[in-house]
Amino acid sequence: MEFRLASVDSFIIYFGDEIDKKINQEVKKAFAVLKKSSLDGIIELVPSYSSLFVTYDIFKYEYDEITQKVKEVLKSNKNSEVFESKLVEIDVYYGLEVGFDLHRISEIKNISIPEIISIHSSKIYDVYAIGFLPAFAYLGIVDKKIATNRLENPRTKIPKNSVAIANTQTAIYPLDSPGGWNIIGRTYQNIFDKKHENLSLISFNDKVKFNPISKDEFLSKGGILES
C-alpha cells in the first residue's frame, strides 16, 4: 500500500499496479472501511482497479496528518470483512442484430457464436471500476477464449444497454456513446436510471451474471433492436 499526493486536497492510495482480483478486493475493502469510518474531513472516495482516490478537507487536515489517520483506520480494520456484495443478473439477447461483433470474434478466435455466448454467460464477473460514462462498470475477468482487442476504428455510436468485450473486460454501455469495444448483445434493463440508487443498477462492490434470453423475451420486456 503506497500513498501519493495527487493535488492540494487529494491523494491516491495504490494497492498494486495491475488488474488483479486480489488487489481489487483490497481496494474494495479500503473503500468500504473509509466510507463507514467516523473519520471527519473525507470529502470523496473514488475507487478504481488498483487504487483509491481520496479528497479531503484542507481546512481540517494537512496532508501528513490525514494520510496518517487513514493508515490507522485501515490498519485497525485489516482483518475485518466490511463490504457486502450482491449479485446483479443481466438478461442479454445475443442476437446478430444487436451483437455487431459476434462474427468478428468468432473468426478471430476460431470459435462458434453459440460457444462465445456460452462462455460469456457462464461466468460471474467482479466489478473492477466504474467510470468513463455514468454507471459504466468495468467487469472481469473475461475468459481468454473470447477476450478480444478493441476495434481499430471505434464506432461513432453504440446503442445504450449494449453488452461488450474489450480484451479481458466486459461491460454494458449505459448510454448511447462512441466506443471501440466489441458488441456482442444487448439488454432491455436500463443500467443508468434515476430509479436506481446512485443512478446505477451496478455498484462497485457487486458481482454480475449475464443470462442469455430469446429475441421474443427481449422484445416483450421492452428491448429495442434499432441501432
Protein backbone atom coordinates (compact mmCIF):
# COMPACT_ATOMS: atom_id res chain seq x y z
CA MET A 1 0.00 0.00 0.00
CA GLU A 2 1.50 3.31 -1.12
CA PHE A 3 0.24 6.86 -0.58
CA ARG A 4 0.95 9.54 -3.20
CA LEU A 5 -0.01 13.20 -3.22
CA ALA A 6 -2.40 13.97 -6.12
CA SER A 7 -3.24 17.66 -5.57
CA VAL A 8 -3.54 20.25 -2.84
CA ASP A 9 -6.61 18.48 -1.41
CA SER A 10 -6.28 14.88 -2.56
CA PHE A 11 -4.09 11.80 -2.57
CA ILE A 12 -4.12 8.30 -4.07
CA ILE A 13 -3.65 5.03 -2.24
CA TYR A 14 -2.09 2.39 -4.51
CA PHE A 15 -2.57 -1.29 -3.69
CA GLY A 16 -0.80 -2.61 -6.80
CA ASP A 17 -0.20 -1.82 -10.45
CA GLU A 18 -2.20 -4.42 -12.39
CA ILE A 19 -5.72 -5.70 -12.98
CA ASP A 20 -5.88 -8.40 -10.36
CA LYS A 21 -8.81 -9.72 -8.33
CA LYS A 22 -6.90 -9.86 -5.04
CA ILE A 23 -5.66 -6.28 -5.44
CA ASN A 24 -9.13 -5.07 -6.37
CA GLN A 25 -10.55 -6.78 -3.27
CA GLU A 26 -8.13 -4.70 -1.18
CA VAL A 27 -9.39 -1.54 -2.89
CA LYS A 28 -12.99 -2.55 -2.19
CA LYS A 29 -12.19 -3.24 1.45
CA ALA A 30 -10.42 0.10 1.95
CA PHE A 31 -13.26 1.91 0.18
CA ALA A 32 -15.84 0.31 2.48
CA VAL A 33 -13.78 0.86 5.64
CA LEU A 34 -13.26 4.55 4.96
CA LYS A 35 -16.90 5.08 3.96
CA LYS A 36 -18.06 3.53 7.22
CA SER A 37 -15.41 5.14 9.41
CA SER A 38 -16.06 8.15 11.62
CA LEU A 39 -13.05 9.93 10.13
CA ASP A 40 -14.16 13.51 9.64
CA GLY A 41 -12.85 15.54 6.73
CA ILE A 42 -13.00 12.91 3.96
CA ILE A 43 -14.95 14.55 1.12
CA GLU A 44 -14.88 11.96 -1.65
CA LEU A 45 -13.65 8.43 -2.31
CA VAL A 46 -13.19 7.21 -5.89
CA PRO A 47 -12.14 3.55 -6.23
CA SER A 48 -10.52 2.09 -9.32
CA TYR A 49 -8.82 -1.15 -10.41
CA SER A 50 -5.87 -0.96 -8.03
CA SER A 51 -6.12 2.40 -6.30
CA LEU A 52 -8.35 4.64 -4.21
CA PHE A 53 -8.54 8.40 -4.85
CA VAL A 54 -9.24 10.42 -1.69
CA THR A 55 -10.30 14.06 -1.49
CA TYR A 56 -10.13 15.71 1.93
CA ASP A 57 -10.86 19.00 3.69
CA ILE A 58 -7.63 21.03 3.68
CA PHE A 59 -9.04 23.32 6.35
CA LYS A 60 -9.14 20.39 8.78
CA TYR A 61 -6.02 18.42 7.87
CA GLU A 62 -2.54 18.73 6.50
CA TYR A 63 -1.51 16.01 4.05
CA ASP A 64 0.71 14.16 6.54
CA GLU A 65 -1.98 14.26 9.21
CA ILE A 66 -4.84 12.93 7.07
CA THR A 67 -2.76 10.17 5.50
CA GLN A 68 -1.59 9.03 8.93
CA LYS A 69 -5.18 8.90 10.18
CA VAL A 70 -6.26 6.93 7.09
CA LYS A 71 -3.41 4.48 7.61
CA GLU A 72 -4.50 3.96 11.22
CA VAL A 73 -8.13 3.37 10.22
CA LEU A 74 -7.15 0.84 7.55
CA LYS A 75 -4.69 -0.92 9.85
CA SER A 76 -7.26 -1.25 12.65
CA ASN A 77 -9.72 -2.85 10.20
CA LYS A 78 -7.16 -5.02 8.43
CA ASN A 79 -8.85 -8.32 9.27
CA SER A 80 -12.47 -7.21 9.10
CA GLU A 81 -14.93 -8.11 6.37
CA VAL A 82 -16.78 -4.85 5.94
CA PHE A 83 -18.16 -4.75 2.43
CA GLU A 84 -21.23 -6.55 1.16
CA SER A 85 -21.54 -7.78 -2.40
CA LYS A 86 -24.78 -8.53 -4.24
CA LEU A 87 -25.25 -10.45 -7.46
CA VAL A 88 -26.79 -8.41 -10.28
CA GLU A 89 -28.26 -10.55 -13.05
CA ILE A 90 -28.45 -9.05 -16.54
CA ASP A 91 -30.64 -10.62 -19.25
CA VAL A 92 -28.95 -10.43 -22.64
CA TYR A 93 -30.16 -11.06 -26.15
CA TYR A 94 -27.05 -12.24 -28.03
CA GLY A 95 -28.63 -11.79 -31.47
CA LEU A 96 -26.73 -10.79 -34.57
CA GLU A 97 -28.98 -7.72 -34.99
CA VAL A 98 -27.53 -6.29 -31.76
CA GLY A 99 -24.30 -8.28 -31.42
CA PHE A 100 -22.44 -6.40 -34.12
CA ASP A 101 -19.09 -8.11 -33.47
CA LEU A 102 -20.12 -11.70 -32.82
CA HIS A 103 -19.00 -12.78 -36.31
CA ARG A 104 -15.73 -10.89 -35.93
CA ILE A 105 -14.90 -12.51 -32.59
CA SER A 106 -15.92 -15.90 -33.99
CA GLU A 107 -13.45 -15.54 -36.87
CA ILE A 108 -10.61 -14.11 -34.77
CA LYS A 109 -10.91 -16.71 -32.03
CA ASN A 110 -11.89 -19.62 -34.29
CA ILE A 111 -14.86 -20.37 -32.09
CA SER A 112 -18.57 -20.62 -32.86
CA ILE A 113 -21.04 -17.91 -31.89
CA PRO A 114 -23.00 -20.28 -29.58
CA GLU A 115 -19.70 -21.04 -27.81
CA ILE A 116 -18.98 -17.31 -27.40
CA ILE A 117 -22.40 -16.84 -25.83
CA SER A 118 -21.98 -19.86 -23.58
CA ILE A 119 -18.54 -18.80 -22.37
CA HIS A 120 -19.52 -15.17 -21.77
CA SER A 121 -22.69 -16.05 -19.86
CA SER A 122 -21.26 -18.89 -17.78
CA LYS A 123 -19.10 -16.72 -15.55
CA ILE A 124 -19.78 -14.41 -12.61
CA TYR A 125 -17.86 -11.16 -13.06
CA ASP A 126 -16.42 -8.78 -10.48
CA VAL A 127 -16.81 -5.02 -10.81
CA TYR A 128 -13.29 -3.60 -11.08
CA ALA A 129 -14.16 0.07 -11.56
CA ILE A 130 -16.95 2.41 -12.57
CA GLY A 131 -16.26 5.31 -14.91
CA PHE A 132 -15.91 6.60 -18.48
CA LEU A 133 -19.69 7.11 -18.50
CA PRO A 134 -22.10 7.28 -15.53
CA ALA A 135 -22.83 3.70 -14.42
CA PHE A 136 -20.30 2.19 -16.85
CA ALA A 137 -18.97 -0.79 -14.87
CA TYR A 138 -15.73 -2.47 -15.92
CA LEU A 139 -16.22 -6.19 -15.32
CA GLY A 140 -13.71 -9.00 -15.34
CA ILE A 141 -12.10 -11.25 -15.97
CA VAL A 142 -13.25 -12.41 -19.43
CA ASP A 143 -12.19 -15.91 -20.46
CA LYS A 144 -9.14 -15.81 -22.74
CA LYS A 145 -11.02 -17.90 -25.30
CA ILE A 146 -13.20 -14.88 -26.14
CA ALA A 147 -11.07 -11.95 -24.90
CA THR A 148 -10.71 -9.68 -27.94
CA ASN A 149 -8.85 -6.45 -28.59
CA ARG A 150 -10.76 -3.21 -29.07
CA LEU A 151 -11.74 -2.14 -32.57
CA GLU A 152 -9.05 -0.31 -34.51
CA ASN A 153 -11.69 2.20 -35.63
CA PRO A 154 -14.18 2.96 -32.85
CA ARG A 155 -17.85 3.40 -33.72
CA THR A 156 -19.35 6.86 -33.55
CA LYS A 157 -22.40 5.47 -31.76
CA ILE A 158 -23.01 2.38 -29.66
CA PRO A 159 -26.64 1.99 -28.54
CA LYS A 160 -27.28 2.11 -24.81
CA ASN A 161 -27.60 -1.22 -23.00
CA SER A 162 -25.18 -2.87 -25.44
CA VAL A 163 -23.06 -5.62 -23.89
CA ALA A 164 -19.43 -5.51 -24.93
CA ILE A 165 -15.97 -7.05 -24.61
CA ALA A 166 -12.57 -5.34 -24.71
CA ASN A 167 -9.56 -7.53 -24.02
CA THR A 168 -10.22 -9.30 -20.70
CA GLN A 169 -13.01 -6.96 -19.63
CA THR A 170 -16.72 -6.84 -20.34
CA ALA A 171 -19.24 -4.06 -19.78
CA ILE A 172 -22.66 -2.63 -20.58
CA TYR A 173 -22.94 0.75 -22.26
CA PRO A 174 -25.39 2.68 -20.04
CA LEU A 175 -25.97 5.42 -22.64
CA ASP A 176 -25.62 5.93 -26.38
CA SER A 177 -21.94 6.63 -26.83
CA PRO A 178 -18.96 6.42 -29.18
CA GLY A 179 -16.78 3.45 -28.36
CA GLY A 180 -14.36 0.82 -29.54
CA TRP A 181 -15.47 -2.22 -27.58
CA ASN A 182 -16.70 -5.38 -29.33
CA ILE A 183 -20.51 -5.52 -29.14
CA ILE A 184 -21.94 -8.99 -28.51
CA GLY A 185 -25.50 -8.38 -27.35
CA ARG A 186 -27.99 -6.07 -25.66
CA THR A 187 -30.14 -5.99 -22.55
CA TYR A 188 -33.55 -4.42 -22.02
CA GLN A 189 -32.51 -3.44 -18.48
CA ASN A 190 -31.56 0.21 -18.05
CA ILE A 191 -28.21 0.29 -16.28
CA PHE A 192 -28.34 4.07 -15.82
CA ASP A 193 -31.68 5.25 -14.41
CA LYS A 194 -32.85 7.76 -11.81
CA LYS A 195 -34.81 4.92 -10.16
CA HIS A 196 -31.56 3.20 -9.16
CA GLU A 197 -29.60 4.06 -6.05
CA ASN A 198 -26.75 6.34 -7.15
CA LEU A 199 -28.38 6.24 -10.63
CA SER A 200 -26.72 2.90 -11.40
CA LEU A 201 -28.03 -0.68 -11.38
CA ILE A 202 -24.48 -1.87 -10.67
CA SER A 203 -22.35 -0.75 -7.73
CA PHE A 204 -18.61 -1.04 -7.14
CA ASN A 205 -18.91 -3.95 -4.70
CA ASP A 206 -21.28 -6.00 -6.87
CA LYS A 207 -20.86 -9.11 -8.97
CA VAL A 208 -22.58 -9.52 -12.34
CA LYS A 209 -24.03 -12.56 -14.13
CA PHE A 210 -25.26 -12.44 -17.75
CA ASN A 211 -28.25 -14.62 -18.68
CA PRO A 212 -28.99 -15.37 -22.37
CA ILE A 213 -32.62 -14.72 -23.41
CA SER A 214 -34.52 -15.15 -26.66
CA LYS A 215 -35.39 -12.40 -29.11
CA ASP A 216 -39.06 -12.70 -28.20
CA GLU A 217 -38.36 -12.30 -24.49
CA PHE A 218 -36.04 -9.36 -25.18
CA LEU A 219 -38.70 -7.55 -27.21
CA SER A 220 -41.55 -8.41 -24.82
CA LYS A 221 -39.66 -6.78 -21.96
CA GLY A 222 -39.01 -3.55 -23.83
CA GLY A 223 -35.80 -4.34 -25.67
CA ILE A 224 -35.02 -2.29 -28.76
CA LEU A 225 -33.34 -3.71 -31.87
CA GLU A 226 -32.72 -0.44 -33.66
CA SER A 227 -29.17 0.86 -33.72
